[in-house]
Amino acid sequence: MLSSVIRSKTAIEINIQIMRAFVELRRLVHGYDELSQKIKQLELDTNMQFNEIYQALTELASQKEKDQKPVNPVGYLSYD
């Protein structure tokens, strides 16, 4: 845009640098989108793994409760 108003070699070079800067910004923004998607996928995978661990721990806890038998007390009974 600047080079169309001011017809000099410096104006053309500055215009080219400005366009390169915008291209670089667009590339960086795309990189952040890609990174954001990877982080979301990692969150989903991690949540699924934690869910599986939670289910396994719940099953172990319920099995432990089932396996516990009432224990007869050992010792003397005192009648007060």
N, C-alpha and C. Protein backbone atom coordinates (compact mmCIF):
# COMPACT_ATOMS: atom_id res chain seq x y z
N MET A 1 0.82 -1.18 0.00
CA MET A 1 0.00 0.00 0.00
C MET A 1 0.87 1.26 0.00
N LEU A 2 1.89 1.21 0.82
CA LEU A 2 2.80 2.35 0.89
C LEU A 2 3.53 2.54 -0.43
N SER A 3 3.88 1.42 -1.07
CA SER A 3 4.63 1.52 -2.33
C SER A 3 3.78 2.04 -3.47
N SER A 4 2.46 1.92 -3.36
CA SER A 4 1.61 2.47 -4.42
C SER A 4 1.50 3.99 -4.31
N VAL A 5 1.68 4.53 -3.11
CA VAL A 5 1.62 5.98 -2.92
C VAL A 5 2.99 6.61 -3.14
N ILE A 6 3.97 6.03 -2.48
CA ILE A 6 5.34 6.54 -2.59
C ILE A 6 6.11 5.57 -3.47
N ARG A 7 6.52 6.01 -4.62
CA ARG A 7 7.17 5.10 -5.57
C ARG A 7 8.69 5.18 -5.40
N SER A 8 9.13 4.53 -4.33
CA SER A 8 10.58 4.46 -4.13
C SER A 8 10.95 3.04 -3.76
N LYS A 9 12.21 2.73 -3.93
CA LYS A 9 12.70 1.39 -3.63
C LYS A 9 12.53 1.08 -2.14
N THR A 10 12.76 2.05 -1.27
CA THR A 10 12.61 1.86 0.18
C THR A 10 11.16 1.56 0.54
N ALA A 11 10.21 2.26 -0.07
CA ALA A 11 8.80 2.03 0.20
C ALA A 11 8.40 0.62 -0.23
N ILE A 12 8.91 0.16 -1.34
CA ILE A 12 8.61 -1.20 -1.83
C ILE A 12 9.18 -2.23 -0.86
N GLU A 13 10.41 -2.02 -0.40
CA GLU A 13 11.03 -2.97 0.54
C GLU A 13 10.27 -3.01 1.86
N ILE A 14 9.85 -1.85 2.35
CA ILE A 14 9.08 -1.80 3.61
C ILE A 14 7.74 -2.51 3.43
N ASN A 15 7.10 -2.31 2.29
CA ASN A 15 5.84 -2.99 2.01
C ASN A 15 6.02 -4.50 2.00
N ILE A 16 7.09 -4.97 1.40
CA ILE A 16 7.38 -6.41 1.38
C ILE A 16 7.60 -6.94 2.79
N GLN A 17 8.33 -6.19 3.62
CA GLN A 17 8.57 -6.61 5.00
C GLN A 17 7.27 -6.66 5.81
N ILE A 18 6.39 -5.70 5.55
CA ILE A 18 5.10 -5.70 6.24
C ILE A 18 4.30 -6.94 5.86
N MET A 19 4.28 -7.29 4.59
CA MET A 19 3.56 -8.48 4.14
C MET A 19 4.17 -9.74 4.75
N ARG A 20 5.48 -9.80 4.82
CA ARG A 20 6.15 -10.96 5.44
C ARG A 20 5.79 -11.06 6.92
N ALA A 21 5.69 -9.92 7.59
CA ALA A 21 5.31 -9.92 9.00
C ALA A 21 3.90 -10.47 9.19
N PHE A 22 2.97 -10.06 8.31
CA PHE A 22 1.61 -10.58 8.40
C PHE A 22 1.56 -12.08 8.12
N VAL A 23 2.34 -12.53 7.17
CA VAL A 23 2.38 -13.97 6.88
C VAL A 23 2.91 -14.73 8.09
N GLU A 24 3.95 -14.19 8.72
CA GLU A 24 4.52 -14.84 9.91
C GLU A 24 3.51 -14.86 11.06
N LEU A 25 2.78 -13.76 11.24
CA LEU A 25 1.74 -13.73 12.28
C LEU A 25 0.66 -14.79 12.02
N ARG A 26 0.26 -14.92 10.76
CA ARG A 26 -0.74 -15.92 10.41
C ARG A 26 -0.23 -17.33 10.71
N ARG A 27 1.05 -17.57 10.41
CA ARG A 27 1.65 -18.88 10.68
C ARG A 27 1.69 -19.15 12.18
N LEU A 28 2.02 -18.14 12.97
CA LEU A 28 2.06 -18.31 14.42
C LEU A 28 0.67 -18.59 14.99
N VAL A 29 -0.33 -17.88 14.50
CA VAL A 29 -1.69 -18.10 14.97
C VAL A 29 -2.13 -19.52 14.64
N HIS A 30 -1.81 -19.99 13.47
CA HIS A 30 -2.14 -21.36 13.09
C HIS A 30 -1.43 -22.34 14.02
N GLY A 31 -0.20 -22.05 14.38
CA GLY A 31 0.55 -22.90 15.31
C GLY A 31 -0.12 -22.97 16.67
N TYR A 32 -0.68 -21.84 17.14
CA TYR A 32 -1.37 -21.84 18.42
C TYR A 32 -2.65 -22.66 18.35
N ASP A 33 -3.34 -22.59 17.23
CA ASP A 33 -4.55 -23.41 17.06
C ASP A 33 -4.20 -24.88 17.12
N GLU A 34 -3.13 -25.26 16.45
CA GLU A 34 -2.70 -26.65 16.45
C GLU A 34 -2.30 -27.08 17.86
N LEU A 35 -1.58 -26.22 18.56
CA LEU A 35 -1.18 -26.52 19.94
C LEU A 35 -2.40 -26.65 20.84
N SER A 36 -3.37 -25.78 20.65
CA SER A 36 -4.60 -25.83 21.45
C SER A 36 -5.34 -27.14 21.22
N GLN A 37 -5.41 -27.59 19.99
CA GLN A 37 -6.06 -28.86 19.68
C GLN A 37 -5.32 -30.03 20.33
N LYS A 38 -3.99 -29.99 20.30
CA LYS A 38 -3.20 -31.06 20.92
C LYS A 38 -3.41 -31.09 22.43
N ILE A 39 -3.51 -29.91 23.05
CA ILE A 39 -3.74 -29.86 24.49
C ILE A 39 -5.12 -30.41 24.83
N LYS A 40 -6.13 -30.06 24.03
CA LYS A 40 -7.48 -30.58 24.27
C LYS A 40 -7.51 -32.10 24.13
N GLN A 41 -6.80 -32.63 23.14
CA GLN A 41 -6.76 -34.08 22.96
C GLN A 41 -6.05 -34.74 24.14
N LEU A 42 -4.98 -34.12 24.62
CA LEU A 42 -4.26 -34.65 25.77
C LEU A 42 -5.15 -34.64 27.01
N GLU A 43 -5.95 -33.58 27.20
CA GLU A 43 -6.88 -33.52 28.32
C GLU A 43 -7.90 -34.66 28.24
N LEU A 44 -8.43 -34.90 27.05
CA LEU A 44 -9.41 -35.98 26.90
C LEU A 44 -8.78 -37.33 27.22
N ASP A 45 -7.58 -37.58 26.68
CA ASP A 45 -6.91 -38.85 26.94
C ASP A 45 -6.63 -39.03 28.42
N THR A 46 -6.16 -37.96 29.07
CA THR A 46 -5.84 -38.04 30.48
C THR A 46 -7.09 -38.27 31.32
N ASN A 47 -8.17 -37.58 30.97
CA ASN A 47 -9.43 -37.77 31.71
C ASN A 47 -9.94 -39.20 31.57
N MET A 48 -9.79 -39.77 30.39
CA MET A 48 -10.22 -41.14 30.18
C MET A 48 -9.37 -42.10 31.02
N GLN A 49 -8.07 -41.85 31.09
CA GLN A 49 -7.19 -42.70 31.89
C GLN A 49 -7.54 -42.59 33.38
N PHE A 50 -7.78 -41.36 33.86
CA PHE A 50 -8.16 -41.19 35.26
C PHE A 50 -9.50 -41.86 35.55
N ASN A 51 -10.40 -41.82 34.59
CA ASN A 51 -11.69 -42.47 34.76
C ASN A 51 -11.50 -43.98 34.91
N GLU A 52 -10.64 -44.56 34.10
CA GLU A 52 -10.36 -46.00 34.19
C GLU A 52 -9.73 -46.35 35.54
N ILE A 53 -8.81 -45.52 36.00
CA ILE A 53 -8.17 -45.75 37.30
C ILE A 53 -9.20 -45.65 38.42
N TYR A 54 -10.07 -44.66 38.34
CA TYR A 54 -11.11 -44.49 39.36
C TYR A 54 -12.04 -45.71 39.39
N GLN A 55 -12.41 -46.21 38.23
CA GLN A 55 -13.27 -47.39 38.18
C GLN A 55 -12.57 -48.60 38.79
N ALA A 56 -11.28 -48.77 38.48
CA ALA A 56 -10.53 -49.90 39.03
C ALA A 56 -10.43 -49.80 40.54
N LEU A 57 -10.18 -48.60 41.06
CA LEU A 57 -10.09 -48.42 42.51
C LEU A 57 -11.45 -48.67 43.18
N THR A 58 -12.51 -48.25 42.53
CA THR A 58 -13.85 -48.48 43.08
C THR A 58 -14.15 -49.97 43.14
N GLU A 59 -13.78 -50.70 42.10
CA GLU A 59 -13.99 -52.15 42.10
C GLU A 59 -13.16 -52.82 43.19
N LEU A 60 -11.91 -52.40 43.35
CA LEU A 60 -11.07 -52.97 44.41
C LEU A 60 -11.64 -52.69 45.79
N ALA A 61 -12.15 -51.48 45.99
CA ALA A 61 -12.73 -51.12 47.28
C ALA A 61 -13.97 -51.95 47.56
N SER A 62 -14.80 -52.17 46.55
CA SER A 62 -16.02 -52.96 46.75
C SER A 62 -15.67 -54.43 46.99
N GLN A 63 -14.63 -54.94 46.34
CA GLN A 63 -14.20 -56.32 46.58
C GLN A 63 -13.65 -56.46 47.99
N LYS A 64 -12.93 -55.47 48.46
CA LYS A 64 -12.38 -55.51 49.81
C LYS A 64 -13.49 -55.54 50.84
N GLU A 65 -14.56 -54.77 50.61
CA GLU A 65 -15.69 -54.78 51.53
C GLU A 65 -16.38 -56.13 51.53
N LYS A 66 -16.47 -56.76 50.38
CA LYS A 66 -17.11 -58.08 50.28
C LYS A 66 -16.25 -59.15 50.95
N ASP A 67 -14.93 -59.03 50.83
CA ASP A 67 -14.03 -60.03 51.37
C ASP A 67 -13.88 -59.95 52.88
N GLN A 68 -14.19 -58.82 53.47
CA GLN A 68 -14.05 -58.68 54.91
C GLN A 68 -15.17 -59.45 55.61
N LYS A 69 -14.75 -60.36 56.47
CA LYS A 69 -15.72 -61.15 57.23
C LYS A 69 -15.76 -60.59 58.64
N PRO A 70 -16.87 -60.73 59.29
CA PRO A 70 -16.91 -60.26 60.68
C PRO A 70 -15.95 -61.09 61.54
N VAL A 71 -15.19 -60.40 62.35
CA VAL A 71 -14.20 -61.05 63.19
C VAL A 71 -14.74 -61.16 64.61
N ASN A 72 -14.59 -62.35 65.18
CA ASN A 72 -15.00 -62.53 66.57
C ASN A 72 -14.00 -61.84 67.47
N PRO A 73 -14.46 -61.12 68.47
CA PRO A 73 -13.53 -60.45 69.36
C PRO A 73 -12.71 -61.45 70.17
N VAL A 74 -11.49 -61.08 70.45
CA VAL A 74 -10.58 -61.92 71.23
C VAL A 74 -10.43 -61.27 72.61
N GLY A 75 -10.48 -62.07 73.64
CA GLY A 75 -10.27 -61.53 74.98
C GLY A 75 -11.43 -61.84 75.89
N TYR A 76 -11.45 -61.20 77.04
CA TYR A 76 -12.47 -61.41 78.05
C TYR A 76 -13.56 -60.38 77.90
N LEU A 77 -14.74 -60.80 78.21
CA LEU A 77 -15.86 -59.88 78.24
C LEU A 77 -16.03 -59.39 79.66
N SER A 78 -16.18 -58.13 79.83
CA SER A 78 -16.41 -57.63 81.18
C SER A 78 -17.84 -57.15 81.28
N TYR A 79 -18.48 -57.57 82.30
CA TYR A 79 -19.86 -57.14 82.53
C TYR A 79 -19.85 -56.12 83.64
N ASP A 80 -20.09 -54.90 83.33
CA ASP A 80 -20.09 -53.85 84.35
C ASP A 80 -21.43 -53.62 84.92
